[in-house]
């Protein structure tokens, strides 16, 4: 593919190219549903996000709902499937924006990347990162660079030995390096994400396509290639001081023997008493 030849010009990036098969971007038409699913699955694991998305679709008999249907669903009902208060409002915000302003894929296809980002971030709950993911995985834009994505940043730190201590300089360096990949920066992001096993992947409905729900699952480790066990660290045992010997308690004194009471019959005791008198 053309993008592979272009990205291979970067010597450091070249080693990533052969680690994965070429990527293909696909376009989607269900933009409102994509944004809703993205919001619902933010900051969740893949398993939890998929479960939440299935519950959402079950509210509409398993099909992708229209924006009007989403907006007609009460906030209490949305909370009942596990959404937070904030996310329920953001989901309604997307549906309301789709109805009032429009989220038609044909309309968005005619707009430049930055214009799409500016348009979508008018929706409270949709940030720049979510808009960039939609450009990549819903509109199929090939030259998008998600500079604020933590996975991208970590991969580039490892690949180019960057220092993130000065945030402004670090961001500028990321953008400078990414310019070499243009006009195929989306594919560069895909290879960087796959290198660190945390790629956002666009799924077809009904599964959700979102920030954390779309992370790649790590492949099972090959036991034959597992890393050798580490040698245990040598430790020098420090002997403990012996506890002082306890003084033995003296045995308790045996109780004094008492003479048993006289068992003489009463008549004999009277006689002896009269003699004493």
C-alpha atoms as a PDB file:
ATOM      1  CA  UNK A   1       0.000   0.000   0.000  1.00  0.00           C
ATOM      2  CA  UNK A   2       1.066   3.576  -0.650  1.00  0.00           C
ATOM      3  CA  UNK A   3       1.093   4.598   2.996  1.00  0.00           C
ATOM      4  CA  UNK A   4       3.561   1.798   3.850  1.00  0.00           C
ATOM      5  CA  UNK A   5       6.138   3.111   1.377  1.00  0.00           C
ATOM      6  CA  UNK A   6       5.748   6.610   2.766  1.00  0.00           C
ATOM      7  CA  UNK A   7       5.999   5.694   6.465  1.00  0.00           C
ATOM      8  CA  UNK A   8       8.950   3.387   5.792  1.00  0.00           C
ATOM      9  CA  UNK A   9      11.047   6.445   4.930  1.00  0.00           C
ATOM     10  CA  UNK A  10      11.223   7.070   8.683  1.00  0.00           C
ATOM     11  CA  UNK A  11      13.992   4.699   9.782  1.00  0.00           C
ATOM     12  CA  UNK A  12      12.752   4.382  13.351  1.00  0.00           C
ATOM     13  CA  UNK A  13       9.153   3.932  12.294  1.00  0.00           C
ATOM     14  CA  UNK A  14      10.079   1.341   9.689  1.00  0.00           C
ATOM     15  CA  UNK A  15      10.436  -1.435  12.278  1.00  0.00           C
ATOM     16  CA  UNK A  16       6.758  -1.018  13.239  1.00  0.00           C
ATOM     17  CA  UNK A  17       5.503  -1.477   9.689  1.00  0.00           C
ATOM     18  CA  UNK A  18       6.400  -5.149   9.418  1.00  0.00           C
ATOM     19  CA  UNK A  19       4.838  -6.066  12.756  1.00  0.00           C
ATOM     20  CA  UNK A  20       1.263  -5.851  11.458  1.00  0.00           C
ATOM     21  CA  UNK A  21      -0.681  -6.352   8.254  1.00  0.00           C
ATOM     22  CA  UNK A  22      -1.738  -3.206   6.361  1.00  0.00           C
ATOM     23  CA  UNK A  23      -4.725  -1.349   7.787  1.00  0.00           C
ATOM     24  CA  UNK A  24      -7.871  -0.332   5.940  1.00  0.00           C
ATOM     25  CA  UNK A  25     -10.142   2.473   7.075  1.00  0.00           C
ATOM     26  CA  UNK A  26     -13.914   2.191   6.749  1.00  0.00           C
ATOM     27  CA  UNK A  27     -16.621   4.830   6.677  1.00  0.00           C
ATOM     28  CA  UNK A  28     -19.761   4.732   8.770  1.00  0.00           C
ATOM     29  CA  UNK A  29     -23.134   6.362   8.374  1.00  0.00           C
ATOM     30  CA  UNK A  30     -24.462   6.107  11.962  1.00  0.00           C
ATOM     31  CA  UNK A  31     -22.590   9.171  13.306  1.00  0.00           C
ATOM     32  CA  UNK A  32     -25.012   9.948  16.213  1.00  0.00           C
ATOM     33  CA  UNK A  33     -24.855   6.355  17.415  1.00  0.00           C
ATOM     34  CA  UNK A  34     -21.057   6.344  17.124  1.00  0.00           C
ATOM     35  CA  UNK A  35     -20.783   9.448  19.331  1.00  0.00           C
ATOM     36  CA  UNK A  36     -23.287   8.078  21.860  1.00  0.00           C
ATOM     37  CA  UNK A  37     -21.395   4.783  22.105  1.00  0.00           C
ATOM     38  CA  UNK A  38     -18.104   6.670  22.450  1.00  0.00           C
ATOM     39  CA  UNK A  39     -19.422   8.719  25.356  1.00  0.00           C
ATOM     40  CA  UNK A  40     -20.982   5.736  27.121  1.00  0.00           C
ATOM     41  CA  UNK A  41     -17.785   3.691  27.050  1.00  0.00           C
ATOM     42  CA  UNK A  42     -15.321   6.394  28.120  1.00  0.00           C
ATOM     43  CA  UNK A  43     -13.069   5.367  31.023  1.00  0.00           C
ATOM     44  CA  UNK A  44     -14.419   1.807  31.034  1.00  0.00           C
ATOM     45  CA  UNK A  45     -12.807  -1.526  30.288  1.00  0.00           C
ATOM     46  CA  UNK A  46     -13.708  -3.305  27.048  1.00  0.00           C
ATOM     47  CA  UNK A  47     -15.834  -5.902  28.842  1.00  0.00           C
ATOM     48  CA  UNK A  48     -17.798  -3.368  30.893  1.00  0.00           C
ATOM     49  CA  UNK A  49     -18.280  -1.053  27.916  1.00  0.00           C
ATOM     50  CA  UNK A  50     -19.609  -3.885  25.728  1.00  0.00           C
ATOM     51  CA  UNK A  51     -22.032  -4.938  28.458  1.00  0.00           C
ATOM     52  CA  UNK A  52     -23.245  -1.359  28.876  1.00  0.00           C
ATOM     53  CA  UNK A  53     -23.729  -0.949  25.142  1.00  0.00           C
ATOM     54  CA  UNK A  54     -25.759  -4.167  24.904  1.00  0.00           C
ATOM     55  CA  UNK A  55     -28.019  -2.920  27.703  1.00  0.00           C
ATOM     56  CA  UNK A  56     -28.466   0.332  25.804  1.00  0.00           C
ATOM     57  CA  UNK A  57     -29.461  -1.454  22.592  1.00  0.00           C
ATOM     58  CA  UNK A  58     -31.838  -3.714  24.543  1.00  0.00           C
ATOM     59  CA  UNK A  59     -33.836  -0.601  25.381  1.00  0.00           C
ATOM     60  CA  UNK A  60     -34.653  -0.473  21.657  1.00  0.00           C
ATOM     61  CA  UNK A  61     -35.123  -4.210  21.018  1.00  0.00           C
ATOM     62  CA  UNK A  62     -31.490  -4.682  20.001  1.00  0.00           C
ATOM     63  CA  UNK A  63     -31.430  -2.203  17.115  1.00  0.00           C
ATOM     64  CA  UNK A  64     -29.628   1.111  16.651  1.00  0.00           C
ATOM     65  CA  UNK A  65     -32.038   3.829  17.864  1.00  0.00           C
ATOM     66  CA  UNK A  66     -32.805   7.074  16.086  1.00  0.00           C
ATOM     67  CA  UNK A  67     -31.824  10.351  17.801  1.00  0.00           C
ATOM     68  CA  UNK A  68     -35.531  11.074  18.440  1.00  0.00           C
ATOM     69  CA  UNK A  69     -35.866   7.743  20.278  1.00  0.00           C
ATOM     70  CA  UNK A  70     -32.788   8.417  22.387  1.00  0.00           C
ATOM     71  CA  UNK A  71     -34.028  11.853  23.360  1.00  0.00           C
ATOM     72  CA  UNK A  72     -37.436  10.372  24.271  1.00  0.00           C
ATOM     73  CA  UNK A  73     -35.733   7.941  26.667  1.00  0.00           C
ATOM     74  CA  UNK A  74     -35.790   9.365  30.187  1.00  0.00           C
ATOM     75  CA  UNK A  75     -32.590  10.085  32.103  1.00  0.00           C
ATOM     76  CA  UNK A  76     -33.783   7.666  34.797  1.00  0.00           C
ATOM     77  CA  UNK A  77     -34.034   4.861  32.234  1.00  0.00           C
ATOM     78  CA  UNK A  78     -30.525   5.587  30.949  1.00  0.00           C
ATOM     79  CA  UNK A  79     -29.190   5.602  34.509  1.00  0.00           C
ATOM     80  CA  UNK A  80     -30.841   2.233  35.121  1.00  0.00           C
ATOM     81  CA  UNK A  81     -28.516   0.537  32.597  1.00  0.00           C
ATOM     82  CA  UNK A  82     -25.426   1.804  34.417  1.00  0.00           C
ATOM     83  CA  UNK A  83     -24.741   5.277  32.973  1.00  0.00           C
ATOM     84  CA  UNK A  84     -23.592   8.053  35.271  1.00  0.00           C
ATOM     85  CA  UNK A  85     -25.620  11.240  35.647  1.00  0.00           C
ATOM     86  CA  UNK A  86     -23.157  13.133  33.457  1.00  0.00           C
ATOM     87  CA  UNK A  87     -23.169  10.521  30.690  1.00  0.00           C
ATOM     88  CA  UNK A  88     -26.952  10.395  30.543  1.00  0.00           C
ATOM     89  CA  UNK A  89     -27.002  14.144  29.883  1.00  0.00           C
ATOM     90  CA  UNK A  90     -24.211  13.878  27.293  1.00  0.00           C
ATOM     91  CA  UNK A  91     -26.111  11.133  25.447  1.00  0.00           C
ATOM     92  CA  UNK A  92     -29.165  13.389  25.305  1.00  0.00           C
ATOM     93  CA  UNK A  93     -26.927  16.268  24.152  1.00  0.00           C
ATOM     94  CA  UNK A  94     -25.745  14.235  21.156  1.00  0.00           C
ATOM     95  CA  UNK A  95     -29.292  13.210  20.216  1.00  0.00           C
ATOM     96  CA  UNK A  96     -30.575  16.776  20.575  1.00  0.00           C
ATOM     97  CA  UNK A  97     -27.703  18.146  18.476  1.00  0.00           C
ATOM     98  CA  UNK A  98     -28.355  15.568  15.760  1.00  0.00           C
ATOM     99  CA  UNK A  99     -31.994  16.631  15.574  1.00  0.00           C
ATOM    100  CA  UNK A 100     -31.458  20.399  15.780  1.00  0.00           C
ATOM    101  CA  UNK A 101     -28.112  20.895  14.017  1.00  0.00           C
ATOM    102  CA  UNK A 102     -27.554  17.686  12.065  1.00  0.00           C
ATOM    103  CA  UNK A 103     -24.979  14.880  12.191  1.00  0.00           C
ATOM    104  CA  UNK A 104     -25.396  13.529   8.699  1.00  0.00           C
ATOM    105  CA  UNK A 105     -22.307  11.716   7.421  1.00  0.00           C
ATOM    106  CA  UNK A 106     -22.686  13.275   3.966  1.00  0.00           C
ATOM    107  CA  UNK A 107     -22.672  16.735   5.496  1.00  0.00           C
ATOM    108  CA  UNK A 108     -19.564  15.957   7.572  1.00  0.00           C
ATOM    109  CA  UNK A 109     -17.782  14.377   4.588  1.00  0.00           C
ATOM    110  CA  UNK A 110     -17.714  17.782   2.878  1.00  0.00           C
ATOM    111  CA  UNK A 111     -15.990  19.463   5.851  1.00  0.00           C
ATOM    112  CA  UNK A 112     -12.269  19.757   6.577  1.00  0.00           C
ATOM    113  CA  UNK A 113     -10.870  17.958   9.629  1.00  0.00           C
ATOM    114  CA  UNK A 114     -10.595  21.026  11.865  1.00  0.00           C
ATOM    115  CA  UNK A 115     -14.044  22.178  10.796  1.00  0.00           C
ATOM    116  CA  UNK A 116     -15.493  18.807  11.808  1.00  0.00           C
ATOM    117  CA  UNK A 117     -13.720  18.985  15.187  1.00  0.00           C
ATOM    118  CA  UNK A 118     -14.983  22.519  15.806  1.00  0.00           C
ATOM    119  CA  UNK A 119     -18.497  21.462  14.819  1.00  0.00           C
ATOM    120  CA  UNK A 120     -18.640  18.360  17.032  1.00  0.00           C
ATOM    121  CA  UNK A 121     -17.025  19.900  20.112  1.00  0.00           C
ATOM    122  CA  UNK A 122     -19.967  22.287  20.324  1.00  0.00           C
ATOM    123  CA  UNK A 123     -21.743  19.294  21.888  1.00  0.00           C
ATOM    124  CA  UNK A 124     -21.190  19.241  25.639  1.00  0.00           C
ATOM    125  CA  UNK A 125     -19.611  15.863  26.369  1.00  0.00           C
ATOM    126  CA  UNK A 126     -17.739  15.577  23.047  1.00  0.00           C
ATOM    127  CA  UNK A 127     -14.095  16.632  23.265  1.00  0.00           C
ATOM    128  CA  UNK A 128     -11.361  16.920  20.675  1.00  0.00           C
ATOM    129  CA  UNK A 129     -10.148  13.333  21.245  1.00  0.00           C
ATOM    130  CA  UNK A 130     -13.617  11.888  20.573  1.00  0.00           C
ATOM    131  CA  UNK A 131     -13.944  14.022  17.447  1.00  0.00           C
ATOM    132  CA  UNK A 132     -10.522  12.827  16.212  1.00  0.00           C
ATOM    133  CA  UNK A 133     -11.514   9.200  16.741  1.00  0.00           C
ATOM    134  CA  UNK A 134     -14.684   9.819  14.764  1.00  0.00           C
ATOM    135  CA  UNK A 135     -12.654  11.355  11.926  1.00  0.00           C
ATOM    136  CA  UNK A 136     -10.488   8.232  11.827  1.00  0.00           C
ATOM    137  CA  UNK A 137     -12.966   5.432  12.379  1.00  0.00           C
ATOM    138  CA  UNK A 138     -16.286   6.844  11.207  1.00  0.00           C
ATOM    139  CA  UNK A 139     -15.335   9.254   8.409  1.00  0.00           C
ATOM    140  CA  UNK A 140     -12.252   7.304   7.306  1.00  0.00           C
ATOM    141  CA  UNK A 141      -9.898  10.318   7.281  1.00  0.00           C
ATOM    142  CA  UNK A 142      -6.343   9.212   6.546  1.00  0.00           C
ATOM    143  CA  UNK A 143      -4.371  12.187   7.881  1.00  0.00           C
ATOM    144  CA  UNK A 144      -5.409  12.621  11.518  1.00  0.00           C
ATOM    145  CA  UNK A 145      -2.871  12.730  14.342  1.00  0.00           C
ATOM    146  CA  UNK A 146      -4.206  12.324  17.896  1.00  0.00           C
ATOM    147  CA  UNK A 147      -1.432  14.241  19.641  1.00  0.00           C
ATOM    148  CA  UNK A 148      -3.137  14.183  23.070  1.00  0.00           C
ATOM    149  CA  UNK A 149      -3.724  10.423  23.071  1.00  0.00           C
ATOM    150  CA  UNK A 150      -1.747   8.839  25.903  1.00  0.00           C
ATOM    151  CA  UNK A 151      -1.112   5.637  23.958  1.00  0.00           C
ATOM    152  CA  UNK A 152       0.353   7.590  21.032  1.00  0.00           C
ATOM    153  CA  UNK A 153       2.526   9.628  23.372  1.00  0.00           C
ATOM    154  CA  UNK A 154       3.884   6.598  25.218  1.00  0.00           C
ATOM    155  CA  UNK A 155       4.661   4.793  21.964  1.00  0.00           C
ATOM    156  CA  UNK A 156       6.532   7.775  20.550  1.00  0.00           C
ATOM    157  CA  UNK A 157       8.484   8.197  23.780  1.00  0.00           C
ATOM    158  CA  UNK A 158       9.661   4.611  23.453  1.00  0.00           C
ATOM    159  CA  UNK A 159      10.361   4.858  19.726  1.00  0.00           C
ATOM    160  CA  UNK A 160      12.060   8.269  19.599  1.00  0.00           C
ATOM    161  CA  UNK A 161      13.437   8.479  23.174  1.00  0.00           C
ATOM    162  CA  UNK A 162      11.519  11.654  23.958  1.00  0.00           C
ATOM    163  CA  UNK A 163      11.282  13.489  27.267  1.00  0.00           C
ATOM    164  CA  UNK A 164       7.865  14.697  28.404  1.00  0.00           C
ATOM    165  CA  UNK A 165       9.056  16.784  31.349  1.00  0.00           C
ATOM    166  CA  UNK A 166       8.469  20.058  29.480  1.00  0.00           C
ATOM    167  CA  UNK A 167       4.907  19.507  28.251  1.00  0.00           C
ATOM    168  CA  UNK A 168       4.932  22.311  25.704  1.00  0.00           C
ATOM    169  CA  UNK A 169       8.219  21.252  24.095  1.00  0.00           C
ATOM    170  CA  UNK A 170       7.121  17.617  24.202  1.00  0.00           C
ATOM    171  CA  UNK A 171       3.895  18.360  22.342  1.00  0.00           C
ATOM    172  CA  UNK A 172       5.712  20.441  19.744  1.00  0.00           C
ATOM    173  CA  UNK A 173       8.170  17.599  19.155  1.00  0.00           C
ATOM    174  CA  UNK A 174       5.327  15.116  18.660  1.00  0.00           C
ATOM    175  CA  UNK A 175       3.745  17.362  16.062  1.00  0.00           C
ATOM    176  CA  UNK A 176       7.090  17.953  14.342  1.00  0.00           C
ATOM    177  CA  UNK A 177       7.771  14.206  14.014  1.00  0.00           C
ATOM    178  CA  UNK A 178       4.221  13.495  12.843  1.00  0.00           C
ATOM    179  CA  UNK A 179       4.594  15.940   9.961  1.00  0.00           C
ATOM    180  CA  UNK A 180       6.942  13.432   8.296  1.00  0.00           C
ATOM    181  CA  UNK A 181       4.049  10.936   8.175  1.00  0.00           C
ATOM    182  CA  UNK A 182       1.566  13.268   6.471  1.00  0.00           C
ATOM    183  CA  UNK A 183      -0.703  12.616   4.550  1.00  0.00           C
ATOM    184  CA  UNK A 184      -0.955   9.165   6.193  1.00  0.00           C
ATOM    185  CA  UNK A 185      -0.869  10.061   9.894  1.00  0.00           C
ATOM    186  CA  UNK A 186      -3.973   8.018  10.747  1.00  0.00           C
ATOM    187  CA  UNK A 187      -2.158   4.854   9.656  1.00  0.00           C
ATOM    188  CA  UNK A 188       0.867   5.930  11.679  1.00  0.00           C
ATOM    189  CA  UNK A 189      -1.374   6.211  14.754  1.00  0.00           C
ATOM    190  CA  UNK A 190      -2.756   2.728  14.090  1.00  0.00           C
ATOM    191  CA  UNK A 191       0.724   1.223  13.982  1.00  0.00           C
ATOM    192  CA  UNK A 192       1.750   3.090  17.148  1.00  0.00           C
ATOM    193  CA  UNK A 193      -1.375   1.900  18.961  1.00  0.00           C
ATOM    194  CA  UNK A 194      -0.862  -1.696  17.876  1.00  0.00           C
ATOM    195  CA  UNK A 195       2.766  -1.529  18.946  1.00  0.00           C
ATOM    196  CA  UNK A 196       1.559  -0.856  22.495  1.00  0.00           C
ATOM    197  CA  UNK A 197      -1.547  -3.070  22.267  1.00  0.00           C
ATOM    198  CA  UNK A 198      -4.032  -0.314  23.069  1.00  0.00           C
ATOM    199  CA  UNK A 199      -5.599   0.551  19.730  1.00  0.00           C
ATOM    200  CA  UNK A 200      -9.020   2.183  19.529  1.00  0.00           C
ATOM    201  CA  UNK A 201     -10.797   0.015  16.944  1.00  0.00           C
ATOM    202  CA  UNK A 202     -13.971   1.018  15.154  1.00  0.00           C
ATOM    203  CA  UNK A 203     -16.554  -1.744  15.489  1.00  0.00           C
ATOM    204  CA  UNK A 204     -19.624  -2.147  13.369  1.00  0.00           C
ATOM    205  CA  UNK A 205     -22.986  -1.871  15.182  1.00  0.00           C
ATOM    206  CA  UNK A 206     -24.342  -3.300  17.364  1.00  0.00           C
ATOM    207  CA  UNK A 207     -21.018  -3.474  19.298  1.00  0.00           C
ATOM    208  CA  UNK A 208     -19.832  -0.144  20.696  1.00  0.00           C
ATOM    209  CA  UNK A 209     -16.956   1.773  19.162  1.00  0.00           C
ATOM    210  CA  UNK A 210     -15.428   3.996  21.775  1.00  0.00           C
ATOM    211  CA  UNK A 211     -12.526   5.264  23.809  1.00  0.00           C
ATOM    212  CA  UNK A 212     -11.994   2.347  26.157  1.00  0.00           C
ATOM    213  CA  UNK A 213     -14.489  -0.151  24.747  1.00  0.00           C
ATOM    214  CA  UNK A 214     -12.480  -0.166  21.527  1.00  0.00           C
ATOM    215  CA  UNK A 215      -9.114  -1.161  22.966  1.00  0.00           C
ATOM    216  CA  UNK A 216      -7.428  -4.191  21.474  1.00  0.00           C
ATOM    217  CA  UNK A 217      -7.254  -7.282  23.597  1.00  0.00           C
ATOM    218  CA  UNK A 218      -3.739  -8.466  24.229  1.00  0.00           C
ATOM    219  CA  UNK A 219      -2.908 -11.762  22.498  1.00  0.00           C
ATOM    220  CA  UNK A 220      -2.380 -14.781  24.703  1.00  0.00           C
ATOM    221  CA  UNK A 221       1.221 -15.212  25.716  1.00  0.00           C
ATOM    222  CA  UNK A 222       3.165 -18.038  24.088  1.00  0.00           C
ATOM    223  CA  UNK A 223       4.527 -20.205  26.917  1.00  0.00           C
ATOM    224  CA  UNK A 224       7.386 -21.325  24.702  1.00  0.00           C
ATOM    225  CA  UNK A 225       8.547 -17.705  24.393  1.00  0.00           C
ATOM    226  CA  UNK A 226       7.944 -16.648  27.933  1.00  0.00           C
ATOM    227  CA  UNK A 227      10.660 -14.657  29.612  1.00  0.00           C
ATOM    228  CA  UNK A 228      13.069 -16.617  31.853  1.00  0.00           C
ATOM    229  CA  UNK A 229      12.404 -16.491  35.523  1.00  0.00           C
ATOM    230  CA  UNK A 230      14.370 -13.873  37.420  1.00  0.00           C
ATOM    231  CA  UNK A 231      17.021 -15.028  39.815  1.00  0.00           C
ATOM    232  CA  UNK A 232      16.085 -14.365  43.414  1.00  0.00           C
ATOM    233  CA  UNK A 233      18.028 -11.555  45.031  1.00  0.00           C
ATOM    234  CA  UNK A 234      20.655 -12.582  47.551  1.00  0.00           C
ATOM    235  CA  UNK A 235      19.778 -11.505  51.029  1.00  0.00           C
ATOM    236  CA  UNK A 236      21.946 -11.576  54.115  1.00  0.00           C
ATOM    237  CA  UNK A 237      20.127 -12.967  57.066  1.00  0.00           C
ATOM    238  CA  UNK A 238      20.510 -10.864  60.196  1.00  0.00           C
ATOM    239  CA  UNK A 239      20.484 -13.024  63.316  1.00  0.00           C
ATOM    240  CA  UNK A 240      18.075 -11.957  65.938  1.00  0.00           C
ATOM    241  CA  UNK A 241      19.156 -11.425  69.484  1.00  0.00           C
ATOM    242  CA  UNK A 242      18.148 -14.235  71.753  1.00  0.00           C
ATOM    243  CA  UNK A 243      15.462 -13.286  74.157  1.00  0.00           C
ATOM    244  CA  UNK A 244      16.598 -13.254  77.801  1.00  0.00           C
ATOM    245  CA  UNK A 245      15.691 -16.340  79.737  1.00  0.00           C
ATOM    246  CA  UNK A 246      12.635 -15.945  81.844  1.00  0.00           C
ATOM    247  CA  UNK A 247      12.945 -16.457  85.581  1.00  0.00           C
ATOM    248  CA  UNK A 248      11.191 -19.536  86.693  1.00  0.00           C
ATOM    249  CA  UNK A 249       8.481 -18.954  89.200  1.00  0.00           C
ATOM    250  CA  UNK A 250       8.825 -20.654  92.572  1.00  0.00           C
ATOM    251  CA  UNK A 251       6.391 -23.485  93.014  1.00  0.00           C
ATOM    252  CA  UNK A 252       3.434 -22.605  95.144  1.00  0.00           C
ATOM    253  CA  UNK A 253       3.705 -23.764  98.748  1.00  0.00           C
ATOM    254  CA  UNK A 254       1.764 -26.861  99.568  1.00  0.00           C
ATOM    255  CA  UNK A 255      -1.303 -26.191 101.717  1.00  0.00           C
ATOM    256  CA  UNK A 256      -0.905 -26.938 105.456  1.00  0.00           C
ATOM    257  CA  UNK A 257      -2.444 -30.127 106.627  1.00  0.00           C
ATOM    258  CA  UNK A 258      -5.314 -29.674 109.005  1.00  0.00           C
ATOM    259  CA  UNK A 259      -6.341 -32.206 111.568  1.00  0.00           C
ATOM    260  CA  UNK A 260      -9.562 -33.805 110.716  1.00  0.00           C
ATOM    261  CA  UNK A 261     -12.470 -32.937 112.895  1.00  0.00           C
ATOM    262  CA  UNK A 262     -13.257 -35.401 115.678  1.00  0.00           C
ATOM    263  CA  UNK A 263     -15.695 -38.009 114.664  1.00  0.00           C
ATOM    264  CA  UNK A 264     -16.527 -39.241 118.208  1.00  0.00           C
ATOM    265  CA  UNK A 265     -20.168 -39.868 118.848  1.00  0.00           C
ATOM    266  CA  UNK A 266     -22.084 -37.146 120.603  1.00  0.00           C
ATOM    267  CA  UNK A 267     -22.397 -39.217 123.830  1.00  0.00           C
ATOM    268  CA  UNK A 268     -18.637 -39.652 124.116  1.00  0.00           C
ATOM    269  CA  UNK A 269     -18.048 -35.923 123.604  1.00  0.00           C
ATOM    270  CA  UNK A 270     -20.399 -35.097 126.442  1.00  0.00           C
ATOM    271  CA  UNK A 271     -18.502 -37.420 128.796  1.00  0.00           C
ATOM    272  CA  UNK A 272     -15.167 -35.882 128.050  1.00  0.00           C
ATOM    273  CA  UNK A 273     -16.576 -32.431 128.534  1.00  0.00           C
ATOM    274  CA  UNK A 274     -17.953 -33.326 131.984  1.00  0.00           C
ATOM    275  CA  UNK A 275     -14.590 -34.724 133.028  1.00  0.00           C
ATOM    276  CA  UNK A 276     -12.828 -31.487 132.178  1.00  0.00           C
ATOM    277  CA  UNK A 277     -15.176 -29.646 134.452  1.00  0.00           C
END
